[in-house]
Protein backbone atom coordinates (compact mmCIF):
# COMPACT_ATOMS: atom_id res chain seq x y z
CA ASN A 1 7.80 -3.79 10.72
CA LEU A 2 6.66 -3.96 7.14
CA LEU A 3 10.06 -2.85 5.94
CA LYS A 4 11.74 -6.17 5.50
CA ALA A 5 14.97 -6.78 3.66
CA ASP A 6 13.26 -9.48 1.58
CA LYS A 7 12.70 -7.99 -1.87
CA PHE A 8 9.86 -10.39 -2.73
CA TYR A 9 7.92 -9.68 0.45
CA LYS A 10 7.96 -5.95 -0.35
CA GLU A 11 6.79 -6.61 -3.93
CA THR A 12 3.96 -8.80 -2.69
CA PHE A 13 2.89 -6.21 -0.11
CA ILE A 14 2.85 -3.42 -2.63
CA GLU A 15 0.85 -5.56 -5.07
CA GLU A 16 -1.68 -6.34 -2.31
CA MET A 17 -2.01 -2.62 -1.48
CA ALA A 18 -2.76 -1.86 -5.17
CA TYR A 19 -5.65 -4.30 -5.04
CA SER A 20 -7.18 -2.64 -2.02
CA ILE A 21 -7.00 0.95 -3.27
CA THR A 22 -9.37 1.56 -6.14
CA TYR A 23 -7.57 4.41 -7.81
CA LEU A 24 -4.30 2.43 -7.91
CA TYR A 25 -6.01 -0.65 -9.33
CA ALA A 26 -5.60 0.63 -12.93
CA PHE A 27 -1.82 0.52 -12.48
CA ASN A 28 -1.80 -3.11 -11.42
CA GLN A 29 -0.65 -5.36 -14.26
CA ASN A 30 -2.55 -8.41 -13.05
CA SER A 31 -6.18 -9.02 -13.95
CA HIS A 32 -7.19 -9.81 -10.37
CA ASN A 33 -10.37 -8.06 -9.20
CA PHE A 34 -9.72 -6.17 -5.98
CA LEU A 35 -13.35 -6.64 -4.94
CA GLU A 36 -12.77 -10.37 -4.64
CA GLU A 37 -10.47 -9.73 -1.69
CA SER A 38 -12.26 -8.41 1.37
CA LEU A 39 -9.79 -6.91 3.81
CA THR A 40 -10.36 -7.04 7.57
CA ILE A 41 -10.55 -3.88 9.57
CA LEU A 42 -7.08 -4.54 10.96
CA GLN A 43 -5.64 -4.96 7.42
CA GLN A 44 -7.30 -1.74 6.33
CA ARG A 45 -5.94 0.13 9.32
CA LYS A 46 -2.44 -1.27 8.67
CA ILE A 47 -2.54 -0.11 5.07
CA TYR A 48 -3.97 3.32 5.97
CA ARG A 49 -1.27 3.79 8.61
CA GLU A 50 1.49 2.94 6.12
CA LEU A 51 0.09 5.31 3.49
CA TYR A 52 -0.46 8.09 6.07
CA ASN A 53 3.14 7.75 7.38
CA ALA A 54 4.51 7.80 3.82
CA TYR A 55 2.43 10.94 3.11
CA LYS A 56 3.61 12.67 6.31
CA LYS A 57 7.26 11.84 5.49
CA ALA A 58 6.95 13.14 1.88
CA LEU A 59 5.15 16.31 3.03
CA ASN A 60 7.75 17.07 5.70
CA LYS A 61 10.54 16.50 3.18
CA ALA A 62 8.86 18.80 0.64
CA LEU A 63 8.28 21.53 3.26
CA THR A 64 11.86 21.46 4.55
CA SER A 65 13.43 21.74 1.08
């Protein structure tokens, strides 16, 4: 249920994801250190699940076209 209609919620969520993924950190415009935020196991699983589902969807779309 992360897909909310609220534009600002989605922007905040994407920004938080960028902090937690080291190779995306360079693309984040803020100077916040992602190491200062320690994510719980549940938060990590939630982010991983969202990334995995996005990857599966993109892969299936690429394979069908």
